[in-house]
């Protein structure tokens, strides 16, 4: 099961400076984590303007930064101007971001992110290094499972999918959204749009379809344009690769609904209606 969310590279076009963009991306990342999004895709809107290209890189970088546990950020993200306001980002507080730094409470089977420190040893954010026999690359984030704690703590590399509960989100960039939607035909593909049908009316059909896939790909438009407007020259191809067009804020009371607002409302409705079908257990569930 899995939930993927696609947002445009123009997602922060309504922000006037880096500070506002950072704050907005922090809000989006919190929504992704709260509603257990497995993967965030930043798709190209086809605009070659340098500002959009920079924003695309910024969106992906800050989202990856937020999904990285605090104890590894300095190692994986050298100081840069794009992270000038990183201090304004809220903590995700997912299971993948543990706060404890002592090795004593560590138990076999625990899972932690880590990086190679020196040959044969990895740093997983505790007060001692862990032995790992796998060949690893420096400056690469790995997920480790604690195999034993005595006499010498050792770990093994695992995949995010091997964890029984929600463990944060991956981030990717897609240059051709329509091709990506076509490749993801085994997912239930949904576009959230002001011009879509009300969620309440579509909910039963959506649930029936998702029960056959257990995976959902949700696509959102930009602050200025909906998905159909962004791809108006390829509208037929777009519609041919989408099962549902849904409006989760029908008869809205404001002229516009901001991306972070639409995303929070939409993911909240999906979680309430389909959460058990498309997401893994959350923070308060016990690991399998």
Protein backbone atom coordinates (compact mmCIF):
# COMPACT_ATOMS: atom_id res chain seq x y z
CA UNK A 1 0.00 0.00 0.00
CA UNK A 2 1.14 3.53 -0.61
CA UNK A 3 0.17 7.16 -1.02
CA UNK A 4 2.04 9.39 -3.46
CA UNK A 5 1.45 13.13 -3.74
CA UNK A 6 2.53 15.17 -6.77
CA UNK A 7 2.97 18.93 -6.48
CA UNK A 8 4.17 21.35 -9.18
CA UNK A 9 7.51 23.13 -9.34
CA UNK A 10 5.46 26.33 -9.11
CA UNK A 11 4.12 25.36 -5.67
CA UNK A 12 5.81 28.36 -4.03
CA UNK A 13 5.18 30.90 -6.79
CA UNK A 14 2.89 32.88 -4.47
CA UNK A 15 5.77 33.47 -2.03
CA UNK A 16 7.77 36.66 -2.38
CA UNK A 17 11.05 35.56 -0.82
CA UNK A 18 13.05 32.60 0.49
CA UNK A 19 11.71 33.03 4.00
CA UNK A 20 8.08 32.67 2.89
CA UNK A 21 8.96 29.74 0.64
CA UNK A 22 10.70 27.95 3.50
CA UNK A 23 7.77 28.46 5.86
CA UNK A 24 5.28 27.22 3.25
CA UNK A 25 7.33 24.13 2.48
CA UNK A 26 7.47 23.42 6.20
CA UNK A 27 3.67 23.47 6.28
CA UNK A 28 3.46 21.14 3.28
CA UNK A 29 5.98 18.72 4.77
CA UNK A 30 4.03 18.57 8.02
CA UNK A 31 0.87 17.69 6.06
CA UNK A 32 2.74 14.98 4.13
CA UNK A 33 3.96 13.44 7.38
CA UNK A 34 0.68 13.77 9.29
CA UNK A 35 -1.26 11.97 6.57
CA UNK A 36 1.48 9.37 5.96
CA UNK A 37 2.48 10.21 2.39
CA UNK A 38 5.10 7.70 1.25
CA UNK A 39 6.51 9.68 -1.66
CA UNK A 40 6.37 13.32 -2.74
CA UNK A 41 6.87 14.03 -6.42
CA UNK A 42 7.77 17.52 -7.64
CA UNK A 43 6.63 17.67 -11.25
CA UNK A 44 7.74 20.06 -13.95
CA UNK A 45 5.15 22.47 -15.30
CA UNK A 46 7.18 22.88 -18.48
CA UNK A 47 8.38 26.36 -17.61
CA UNK A 48 12.04 27.04 -18.37
CA UNK A 49 12.22 30.28 -16.41
CA UNK A 50 15.31 30.25 -14.14
CA UNK A 51 13.16 31.16 -11.14
CA UNK A 52 11.03 28.04 -11.59
CA UNK A 53 14.10 25.88 -12.03
CA UNK A 54 15.55 27.26 -8.80
CA UNK A 55 12.25 26.72 -7.01
CA UNK A 56 12.07 23.12 -8.22
CA UNK A 57 15.48 22.44 -6.71
CA UNK A 58 14.56 24.34 -3.54
CA UNK A 59 11.32 22.41 -3.02
CA UNK A 60 13.04 19.04 -3.38
CA UNK A 61 15.99 20.05 -1.19
CA UNK A 62 13.95 21.42 1.71
CA UNK A 63 11.55 18.46 1.68
CA UNK A 64 14.49 16.03 1.73
CA UNK A 65 16.08 18.08 4.51
CA UNK A 66 12.92 17.84 6.58
CA UNK A 67 12.60 14.09 6.12
CA UNK A 68 16.20 13.64 7.30
CA UNK A 69 16.54 13.17 11.08
CA UNK A 70 18.02 16.18 12.85
CA UNK A 71 21.08 14.23 14.01
CA UNK A 72 22.20 13.67 10.39
CA UNK A 73 21.35 16.98 8.75
CA UNK A 74 24.71 18.69 9.26
CA UNK A 75 26.49 15.71 7.72
CA UNK A 76 24.25 15.44 4.67
CA UNK A 77 23.39 19.09 4.01
CA UNK A 78 26.38 21.46 3.95
CA UNK A 79 25.61 25.05 4.84
CA UNK A 80 24.03 26.83 1.87
CA UNK A 81 22.02 29.96 1.13
CA UNK A 82 18.94 27.89 0.25
CA UNK A 83 18.79 26.65 3.85
CA UNK A 84 19.20 30.12 5.36
CA UNK A 85 15.81 29.91 7.10
CA UNK A 86 15.92 26.21 7.97
CA UNK A 87 15.54 27.19 11.61
CA UNK A 88 11.93 28.15 10.85
CA UNK A 89 11.05 24.64 9.72
CA UNK A 90 8.88 22.70 12.17
CA UNK A 91 10.03 19.25 13.33
CA UNK A 92 8.20 16.37 11.68
CA UNK A 93 8.28 14.21 14.83
CA UNK A 94 7.68 11.02 12.85
CA UNK A 95 8.91 7.66 14.15
CA UNK A 96 11.93 8.10 11.87
CA UNK A 97 13.04 11.15 13.90
CA UNK A 98 13.87 9.74 17.36
CA UNK A 99 14.94 12.12 20.11
CA UNK A 100 16.91 9.73 22.33
CA UNK A 101 20.70 9.79 22.00
CA UNK A 102 21.66 7.15 24.52
CA UNK A 103 22.45 3.57 23.50
CA UNK A 104 21.13 1.99 26.71
CA UNK A 105 17.41 1.90 25.72
CA UNK A 106 18.31 0.48 22.30
CA UNK A 107 16.62 -2.81 21.49
CA UNK A 108 17.12 -5.45 18.83
CA UNK A 109 14.83 -4.74 15.90
CA UNK A 110 14.89 -0.95 16.35
CA UNK A 111 15.20 0.99 13.09
CA UNK A 112 17.21 4.18 12.58
CA UNK A 113 18.58 6.27 9.74
CA UNK A 114 22.34 6.49 9.55
CA UNK A 115 25.44 7.22 7.48
CA UNK A 116 28.85 5.66 7.05
CA UNK A 117 31.29 7.12 9.59
CA UNK A 118 34.34 4.99 8.93
CA UNK A 119 34.93 1.68 7.24
CA UNK A 120 32.74 -0.93 8.93
CA UNK A 121 31.06 1.54 11.30
CA UNK A 122 27.96 3.71 10.91
CA UNK A 123 26.54 6.68 12.77
CA UNK A 124 22.86 6.25 13.66
CA UNK A 125 22.68 9.23 15.99
CA UNK A 126 23.59 7.46 19.23
CA UNK A 127 26.53 7.82 21.62
CA UNK A 128 28.44 5.03 19.93
CA UNK A 129 29.04 3.80 16.40
CA UNK A 130 27.41 0.62 15.10
CA UNK A 131 29.19 -2.13 13.21
CA UNK A 132 27.87 -2.86 9.70
CA UNK A 133 29.31 -5.41 7.29
CA UNK A 134 27.63 -4.00 4.16
CA UNK A 135 29.60 -1.93 1.66
CA UNK A 136 28.33 1.63 1.94
CA UNK A 137 28.92 4.96 0.23
CA UNK A 138 29.78 8.10 2.12
CA UNK A 139 27.29 10.97 2.19
CA UNK A 140 24.46 8.52 1.49
CA UNK A 141 21.53 8.08 3.86
CA UNK A 142 20.76 4.46 4.76
CA UNK A 143 18.11 2.81 6.88
CA UNK A 144 19.42 0.35 9.45
CA UNK A 145 17.88 -2.27 11.69
CA UNK A 146 19.60 -3.11 14.98
CA UNK A 147 20.52 -6.81 14.83
CA UNK A 148 22.02 -7.11 18.30
CA UNK A 149 23.19 -4.79 21.06
CA UNK A 150 25.78 -6.94 22.87
CA UNK A 151 28.64 -7.50 23.00
CA UNK A 152 29.05 -5.08 20.08
CA UNK A 153 26.08 -3.26 18.53
CA UNK A 154 25.59 -4.32 14.90
CA UNK A 155 23.14 -3.25 12.22
CA UNK A 156 21.92 -4.33 8.80
CA UNK A 157 20.71 -2.22 5.88
CA UNK A 158 16.99 -2.43 5.11
CA UNK A 159 14.51 -0.66 2.84
CA UNK A 160 11.91 1.83 4.00
CA UNK A 161 9.24 -0.66 2.89
CA UNK A 162 10.61 -3.19 5.38
CA UNK A 163 9.41 -1.07 8.30
CA UNK A 164 5.96 -2.06 9.51
CA UNK A 165 4.87 1.50 10.33
CA UNK A 166 5.01 4.87 8.61
CA UNK A 167 8.62 6.03 8.29
CA UNK A 168 8.50 9.37 6.50
CA UNK A 169 8.45 10.28 2.83
CA UNK A 170 10.81 10.01 -0.11
CA UNK A 171 11.18 12.93 -2.53
CA UNK A 172 11.54 12.74 -6.31
CA UNK A 173 11.44 15.05 -9.32
CA UNK A 174 9.45 14.21 -12.45
CA UNK A 175 10.05 16.04 -15.73
CA UNK A 176 7.00 14.63 -17.54
CA UNK A 177 3.93 14.27 -15.32
CA UNK A 178 1.69 12.72 -17.99
CA UNK A 179 4.23 10.00 -18.77
CA UNK A 180 4.66 9.42 -15.04
CA UNK A 181 0.90 9.02 -14.62
CA UNK A 182 0.88 6.52 -17.46
CA UNK A 183 3.68 4.54 -15.85
CA UNK A 184 1.75 4.49 -12.56
CA UNK A 185 -1.31 2.74 -14.04
CA UNK A 186 -1.36 0.29 -11.14
CA UNK A 187 -2.20 3.20 -8.82
CA UNK A 188 -5.58 4.88 -8.48
CA UNK A 189 -4.78 8.30 -9.97
CA UNK A 190 -6.63 11.34 -8.67
CA UNK A 191 -6.45 15.03 -9.55
CA UNK A 192 -7.76 17.48 -6.98
CA UNK A 193 -9.42 20.38 -8.75
CA UNK A 194 -11.98 23.10 -8.16
CA UNK A 195 -13.72 21.82 -11.29
CA UNK A 196 -13.91 18.22 -10.10
CA UNK A 197 -16.91 16.43 -8.63
CA UNK A 198 -17.61 16.78 -4.89
CA UNK A 199 -15.72 14.28 -2.78
CA UNK A 200 -18.90 13.12 -1.04
CA UNK A 201 -20.47 12.14 -4.36
CA UNK A 202 -17.37 10.35 -5.62
CA UNK A 203 -16.24 8.74 -2.37
CA UNK A 204 -17.96 5.36 -2.87
CA UNK A 205 -16.59 4.85 -6.40
CA UNK A 206 -13.16 6.03 -5.28
CA UNK A 207 -13.13 3.54 -2.40
CA UNK A 208 -14.18 0.68 -4.69
CA UNK A 209 -11.36 1.49 -7.10
CA UNK A 210 -8.74 1.89 -4.37
CA UNK A 211 -9.70 -1.49 -2.89
CA UNK A 212 -8.42 -2.99 -6.12
CA UNK A 213 -5.09 -1.15 -6.08
CA UNK A 214 -4.32 -0.29 -2.42
CA UNK A 215 -2.24 2.57 -3.82
CA UNK A 216 -3.21 6.14 -4.64
CA UNK A 217 -1.47 8.93 -6.53
CA UNK A 218 -2.84 12.40 -5.74
CA UNK A 219 -1.98 15.34 -8.02
CA UNK A 220 -2.33 18.99 -7.02
CA UNK A 221 -2.08 22.14 -9.09
CA UNK A 222 -0.24 25.39 -8.43
CA UNK A 223 -1.39 28.48 -6.53
CA UNK A 224 -2.20 30.16 -9.86
CA UNK A 225 -3.31 27.28 -12.11
CA UNK A 226 -5.09 23.98 -11.76
CA UNK A 227 -3.61 20.80 -13.22
CA UNK A 228 -5.87 21.00 -16.31
CA UNK A 229 -4.75 24.58 -16.93
CA UNK A 230 -1.07 23.72 -16.54
CA UNK A 231 -1.41 20.98 -19.16
CA UNK A 232 -4.07 22.59 -21.35
CA UNK A 233 -2.19 21.58 -24.51
CA UNK A 234 -2.24 17.93 -23.40
CA UNK A 235 -5.60 17.84 -21.70
CA UNK A 236 -6.84 14.69 -23.47
CA UNK A 237 -3.66 12.78 -22.60
CA UNK A 238 -3.94 13.97 -19.02
CA UNK A 239 -7.57 12.90 -18.67
CA UNK A 240 -6.76 9.52 -20.21
CA UNK A 241 -4.36 8.82 -17.34
CA UNK A 242 -6.54 9.94 -14.43
CA UNK A 243 -9.43 8.00 -12.89
CA UNK A 244 -10.96 10.74 -10.72
CA UNK A 245 -11.19 14.54 -10.66
CA UNK A 246 -12.25 15.59 -7.19
CA UNK A 247 -13.20 18.84 -5.46
CA UNK A 248 -12.72 18.55 -1.70
CA UNK A 249 -13.83 22.12 -0.95
CA UNK A 250 -17.11 22.50 -2.88
CA UNK A 251 -18.85 25.89 -2.69
CA UNK A 252 -15.79 27.42 -1.09
CA UNK A 253 -16.28 30.61 0.86
CA UNK A 254 -13.15 32.31 -0.45
CA UNK A 255 -12.14 33.25 -3.99
CA UNK A 256 -9.10 30.99 -3.79
CA UNK A 257 -7.95 28.02 -1.74
CA UNK A 258 -4.20 27.95 -1.19
CA UNK A 259 -2.21 24.86 -2.08
CA UNK A 260 -1.31 24.12 1.54
CA UNK A 261 -4.99 24.47 2.48
CA UNK A 262 -6.28 22.29 -0.36
CA UNK A 263 -3.64 19.69 0.34
CA UNK A 264 -4.42 19.50 4.06
CA UNK A 265 -8.17 19.26 3.48
CA UNK A 266 -7.83 16.68 0.71
CA UNK A 267 -5.34 14.44 2.48
CA UNK A 268 -7.45 14.65 5.63
CA UNK A 269 -10.51 13.39 3.76
CA UNK A 270 -8.49 10.62 2.12
CA UNK A 271 -7.10 9.58 5.50
CA UNK A 272 -10.54 9.45 7.06
CA UNK A 273 -12.09 7.53 4.18
CA UNK A 274 -9.25 5.40 2.78
CA UNK A 275 -6.42 5.59 5.27
CA UNK A 276 -6.51 1.92 6.21
CA UNK A 277 -6.30 0.98 2.52
CA UNK A 278 -3.48 3.22 1.32
CA UNK A 279 -1.21 3.95 4.29
CA UNK A 280 0.80 2.06 6.87
CA UNK A 281 0.06 2.35 10.60
CA UNK A 282 0.96 5.72 12.08
CA UNK A 283 2.91 7.07 15.04
CA UNK A 284 0.96 5.41 17.82
CA UNK A 285 0.78 2.00 16.17
CA UNK A 286 3.20 -0.67 17.30
CA UNK A 287 5.86 -1.79 14.85
CA UNK A 288 5.24 -5.15 13.24
